[in-house]
C-alpha atoms as a PDB file:
ATOM      1  CA  UNK A   1      15.685 -24.064  10.688  1.00  0.00           C
ATOM      2  CA  UNK A   2      14.153 -25.249  13.941  1.00  0.00           C
ATOM      3  CA  UNK A   3      14.142 -21.657  15.263  1.00  0.00           C
ATOM      4  CA  UNK A   4      12.318 -20.440  12.129  1.00  0.00           C
ATOM      5  CA  UNK A   5       9.693 -23.173  12.434  1.00  0.00           C
ATOM      6  CA  UNK A   6       9.251 -22.590  16.160  1.00  0.00           C
ATOM      7  CA  UNK A   7       8.952 -18.834  15.680  1.00  0.00           C
ATOM      8  CA  UNK A   8       6.360 -19.276  12.945  1.00  0.00           C
ATOM      9  CA  UNK A   9       4.333 -21.786  14.946  1.00  0.00           C
ATOM     10  CA  UNK A  10       4.607 -19.732  18.116  1.00  0.00           C
ATOM     11  CA  UNK A  11       3.308 -16.593  16.375  1.00  0.00           C
ATOM     12  CA  UNK A  12       0.362 -18.435  14.864  1.00  0.00           C
ATOM     13  CA  UNK A  13      -3.104 -18.215  16.340  1.00  0.00           C
ATOM     14  CA  UNK A  14      -3.914 -21.663  14.927  1.00  0.00           C
ATOM     15  CA  UNK A  15      -4.702 -24.091  17.768  1.00  0.00           C
ATOM     16  CA  UNK A  16      -3.075 -26.903  15.781  1.00  0.00           C
ATOM     17  CA  UNK A  17       0.170 -24.939  15.694  1.00  0.00           C
ATOM     18  CA  UNK A  18      -0.100 -24.364  19.432  1.00  0.00           C
ATOM     19  CA  UNK A  19      -0.597 -28.120  19.963  1.00  0.00           C
ATOM     20  CA  UNK A  20       2.451 -28.864  17.798  1.00  0.00           C
ATOM     21  CA  UNK A  21       4.608 -26.431  19.778  1.00  0.00           C
ATOM     22  CA  UNK A  22       3.443 -28.023  23.019  1.00  0.00           C
ATOM     23  CA  UNK A  23       4.320 -31.512  21.752  1.00  0.00           C
ATOM     24  CA  UNK A  24       7.723 -30.339  20.476  1.00  0.00           C
ATOM     25  CA  UNK A  25       8.506 -28.971  23.933  1.00  0.00           C
ATOM     26  CA  UNK A  26       7.195 -32.041  25.768  1.00  0.00           C
ATOM     27  CA  UNK A  27       9.950 -34.615  26.516  1.00  0.00           C
ATOM     28  CA  UNK A  28       7.364 -37.385  26.142  1.00  0.00           C
ATOM     29  CA  UNK A  29       7.332 -36.726  22.374  1.00  0.00           C
ATOM     30  CA  UNK A  30      11.097 -36.380  21.840  1.00  0.00           C
ATOM     31  CA  UNK A  31      11.326 -39.717  19.985  1.00  0.00           C
ATOM     32  CA  UNK A  32       8.626 -38.723  17.507  1.00  0.00           C
ATOM     33  CA  UNK A  33       9.630 -37.276  14.144  1.00  0.00           C
ATOM     34  CA  UNK A  34       8.513 -33.789  13.190  1.00  0.00           C
ATOM     35  CA  UNK A  35       6.204 -35.306  10.576  1.00  0.00           C
ATOM     36  CA  UNK A  36       4.559 -37.566  13.171  1.00  0.00           C
ATOM     37  CA  UNK A  37       4.059 -34.618  15.529  1.00  0.00           C
ATOM     38  CA  UNK A  38       2.474 -32.633  12.708  1.00  0.00           C
ATOM     39  CA  UNK A  39       0.185 -35.557  11.980  1.00  0.00           C
ATOM     40  CA  UNK A  40      -0.844 -35.779  15.665  1.00  0.00           C
ATOM     41  CA  UNK A  41      -1.527 -32.019  15.703  1.00  0.00           C
ATOM     42  CA  UNK A  42      -3.611 -32.279  12.525  1.00  0.00           C
ATOM     43  CA  UNK A  43      -1.223 -30.227  10.397  1.00  0.00           C
ATOM     44  CA  UNK A  44      -0.438 -31.219   6.830  1.00  0.00           C
ATOM     45  CA  UNK A  45       2.554 -30.031   4.829  1.00  0.00           C
ATOM     46  CA  UNK A  46       0.371 -27.464   3.053  1.00  0.00           C
ATOM     47  CA  UNK A  47      -0.889 -26.161   6.415  1.00  0.00           C
ATOM     48  CA  UNK A  48       2.696 -25.567   7.564  1.00  0.00           C
ATOM     49  CA  UNK A  49       3.476 -23.713   4.344  1.00  0.00           C
ATOM     50  CA  UNK A  50       0.380 -21.556   4.805  1.00  0.00           C
ATOM     51  CA  UNK A  51       1.362 -20.748   8.393  1.00  0.00           C
ATOM     52  CA  UNK A  52       4.868 -19.815   7.274  1.00  0.00           C
ATOM     53  CA  UNK A  53       3.544 -17.716   4.360  1.00  0.00           C
ATOM     54  CA  UNK A  54       1.145 -15.819   6.647  1.00  0.00           C
ATOM     55  CA  UNK A  55       3.895 -15.192   9.185  1.00  0.00           C
ATOM     56  CA  UNK A  56       6.198 -13.804   6.499  1.00  0.00           C
ATOM     57  CA  UNK A  57       3.394 -11.647   5.068  1.00  0.00           C
ATOM     58  CA  UNK A  58       2.726 -10.271   8.550  1.00  0.00           C
ATOM     59  CA  UNK A  59       6.419  -9.437   8.952  1.00  0.00           C
ATOM     60  CA  UNK A  60       6.426  -7.733   5.548  1.00  0.00           C
ATOM     61  CA  UNK A  61       3.303  -5.720   6.425  1.00  0.00           C
ATOM     62  CA  UNK A  62       4.938  -4.505   9.625  1.00  0.00           C
ATOM     63  CA  UNK A  63       8.005  -3.381   7.665  1.00  0.00           C
ATOM     64  CA  UNK A  64       5.846  -1.755   4.967  1.00  0.00           C
ATOM     65  CA  UNK A  65       3.782   0.123   7.537  1.00  0.00           C
ATOM     66  CA  UNK A  66       6.928   1.862   8.753  1.00  0.00           C
ATOM     67  CA  UNK A  67       7.034   3.578   5.339  1.00  0.00           C
ATOM     68  CA  UNK A  68       3.295   4.187   5.047  1.00  0.00           C
ATOM     69  CA  UNK A  69       3.206   7.741   6.485  1.00  0.00           C
ATOM     70  CA  UNK A  70       5.649   8.960   3.824  1.00  0.00           C
ATOM     71  CA  UNK A  71       3.824   7.106   1.041  1.00  0.00           C
ATOM     72  CA  UNK A  72       0.493   8.536   2.230  1.00  0.00           C
ATOM     73  CA  UNK A  73       2.007  12.016   2.251  1.00  0.00           C
ATOM     74  CA  UNK A  74       3.358  11.481  -1.286  1.00  0.00           C
ATOM     75  CA  UNK A  75      -0.094  10.321  -2.376  1.00  0.00           C
ATOM     76  CA  UNK A  76      -1.677  13.453  -0.922  1.00  0.00           C
ATOM     77  CA  UNK A  77       0.915  15.644  -2.671  1.00  0.00           C
ATOM     78  CA  UNK A  78       0.267  13.845  -5.991  1.00  0.00           C
ATOM     79  CA  UNK A  79      -3.480  14.480  -5.534  1.00  0.00           C
ATOM     80  CA  UNK A  80      -2.993  18.210  -4.923  1.00  0.00           C
ATOM     81  CA  UNK A  81      -3.746  20.790  -7.593  1.00  0.00           C
ATOM     82  CA  UNK A  82      -0.848  23.054  -8.472  1.00  0.00           C
ATOM     83  CA  UNK A  83      -0.203  26.245 -10.419  1.00  0.00           C
ATOM     84  CA  UNK A  84       1.416  26.029 -13.838  1.00  0.00           C
ATOM     85  CA  UNK A  85       2.539  28.802 -16.209  1.00  0.00           C
ATOM     86  CA  UNK A  86      -0.255  29.700 -18.616  1.00  0.00           C
ATOM     87  CA  UNK A  87       0.284  28.215 -22.086  1.00  0.00           C
ATOM     88  CA  UNK A  88      -1.563  31.067 -23.862  1.00  0.00           C
ATOM     89  CA  UNK A  89       0.666  33.866 -22.569  1.00  0.00           C
ATOM     90  CA  UNK A  90       3.757  31.834 -21.595  1.00  0.00           C
ATOM     91  CA  UNK A  91       3.299  33.028 -18.023  1.00  0.00           C
ATOM     92  CA  UNK A  92       3.440  36.749 -18.772  1.00  0.00           C
ATOM     93  CA  UNK A  93      -0.253  37.463 -18.052  1.00  0.00           C
ATOM     94  CA  UNK A  94      -0.784  39.292 -21.314  1.00  0.00           C
ATOM     95  CA  UNK A  95      -0.996  38.524 -25.015  1.00  0.00           C
ATOM     96  CA  UNK A  96      -0.254  40.845 -27.937  1.00  0.00           C
ATOM     97  CA  UNK A  97      -3.335  41.766 -29.965  1.00  0.00           C
ATOM     98  CA  UNK A  98      -1.982  42.169 -33.498  1.00  0.00           C
ATOM     99  CA  UNK A  99      -5.116  43.931 -34.827  1.00  0.00           C
ATOM    100  CA  UNK A 100      -5.013  46.618 -32.139  1.00  0.00           C
ATOM    101  CA  UNK A 101      -1.222  46.508 -31.739  1.00  0.00           C
ATOM    102  CA  UNK A 102      -1.495  46.425 -27.940  1.00  0.00           C
ATOM    103  CA  UNK A 103      -1.018  43.963 -25.087  1.00  0.00           C
ATOM    104  CA  UNK A 104      -4.264  42.600 -23.681  1.00  0.00           C
ATOM    105  CA  UNK A 105      -4.945  40.684 -20.471  1.00  0.00           C
ATOM    106  CA  UNK A 106      -4.694  36.964 -21.173  1.00  0.00           C
ATOM    107  CA  UNK A 107      -8.086  35.224 -21.117  1.00  0.00           C
ATOM    108  CA  UNK A 108      -6.533  31.884 -20.159  1.00  0.00           C
ATOM    109  CA  UNK A 109      -5.162  33.089 -16.808  1.00  0.00           C
ATOM    110  CA  UNK A 110      -7.003  36.404 -16.320  1.00  0.00           C
ATOM    111  CA  UNK A 111      -3.642  38.157 -16.190  1.00  0.00           C
ATOM    112  CA  UNK A 112      -2.112  36.118 -13.386  1.00  0.00           C
ATOM    113  CA  UNK A 113       0.335  34.267 -15.628  1.00  0.00           C
ATOM    114  CA  UNK A 114      -0.563  30.881 -14.175  1.00  0.00           C
ATOM    115  CA  UNK A 115      -3.404  28.383 -14.338  1.00  0.00           C
ATOM    116  CA  UNK A 116      -4.538  25.731 -11.875  1.00  0.00           C
ATOM    117  CA  UNK A 117      -3.780  22.144 -12.916  1.00  0.00           C
ATOM    118  CA  UNK A 118      -5.846  19.475 -11.182  1.00  0.00           C
ATOM    119  CA  UNK A 119      -3.823  16.824  -9.319  1.00  0.00           C
ATOM    120  CA  UNK A 120      -3.477  13.207 -10.400  1.00  0.00           C
ATOM    121  CA  UNK A 121      -7.055  11.866 -10.671  1.00  0.00           C
ATOM    122  CA  UNK A 122      -6.057   8.314  -9.659  1.00  0.00           C
ATOM    123  CA  UNK A 123      -4.296   9.642  -6.555  1.00  0.00           C
ATOM    124  CA  UNK A 124      -7.401  11.687  -5.695  1.00  0.00           C
ATOM    125  CA  UNK A 125      -9.707   8.679  -5.957  1.00  0.00           C
ATOM    126  CA  UNK A 126      -7.410   6.513  -3.852  1.00  0.00           C
ATOM    127  CA  UNK A 127      -6.963   9.255  -1.258  1.00  0.00           C
ATOM    128  CA  UNK A 128     -10.717   9.855  -0.939  1.00  0.00           C
ATOM    129  CA  UNK A 129     -11.353   6.113  -0.631  1.00  0.00           C
ATOM    130  CA  UNK A 130      -8.611   5.721   1.972  1.00  0.00           C
ATOM    131  CA  UNK A 131     -10.137   8.546   4.012  1.00  0.00           C
ATOM    132  CA  UNK A 132     -13.604   6.982   3.728  1.00  0.00           C
ATOM    133  CA  UNK A 133     -14.997   9.985   1.838  1.00  0.00           C
ATOM    134  CA  UNK A 134     -16.103   7.975  -1.205  1.00  0.00           C
ATOM    135  CA  UNK A 135     -16.858   4.318  -1.771  1.00  0.00           C
ATOM    136  CA  UNK A 136     -15.327   1.673   0.413  1.00  0.00           C
ATOM    137  CA  UNK A 137     -11.713   0.716   0.353  1.00  0.00           C
ATOM    138  CA  UNK A 138     -11.086  -2.943   1.098  1.00  0.00           C
ATOM    139  CA  UNK A 139      -8.650  -3.641   3.880  1.00  0.00           C
ATOM    140  CA  UNK A 140      -6.156  -5.307   1.554  1.00  0.00           C
ATOM    141  CA  UNK A 141      -4.441  -3.519  -1.300  1.00  0.00           C
ATOM    142  CA  UNK A 142      -2.035  -5.202  -3.673  1.00  0.00           C
ATOM    143  CA  UNK A 143       0.502  -3.618  -6.014  1.00  0.00           C
ATOM    144  CA  UNK A 144       0.340  -5.142  -9.494  1.00  0.00           C
ATOM    145  CA  UNK A 145       2.831  -3.787 -12.016  1.00  0.00           C
ATOM    146  CA  UNK A 146       3.040  -0.479 -10.186  1.00  0.00           C
ATOM    147  CA  UNK A 147      -0.754  -0.034  -9.792  1.00  0.00           C
ATOM    148  CA  UNK A 148      -2.528  -0.316  -6.469  1.00  0.00           C
ATOM    149  CA  UNK A 149      -5.533  -2.604  -6.836  1.00  0.00           C
ATOM    150  CA  UNK A 150      -8.073  -3.942  -4.364  1.00  0.00           C
ATOM    151  CA  UNK A 151      -7.864  -7.619  -3.524  1.00  0.00           C
END
């Protein structure tokens, strides 16, 4: 546990944590308890928990960022429009006109057999925000029940 605490304190930019690390390494303080050293450094129990939480969040962010390029690519793919077989002609490009007893060019797809389906609107909004094209995207995003929300 000492290594975990030292690593967390060492990684912190908090001057109180730096002071605590210095005292822990100083032989003059070896008879002091950890609690007493924390008190001398001005760190309460809650402060230590916050330092540890931030350190673990930073580690998690580093690990998440390794996957970010793939997730960003998936987001861009989800936002893309794509062709889909036309529902009016079932992708054939023509429909049978029963009155004239002939095949006519499908109005839904203009004879191509496919129609353009717009990509996921939520993915588009998020992508445009992330690229700075619309609105402002806060620096911190949080996933809540599968949805990405701004903190």
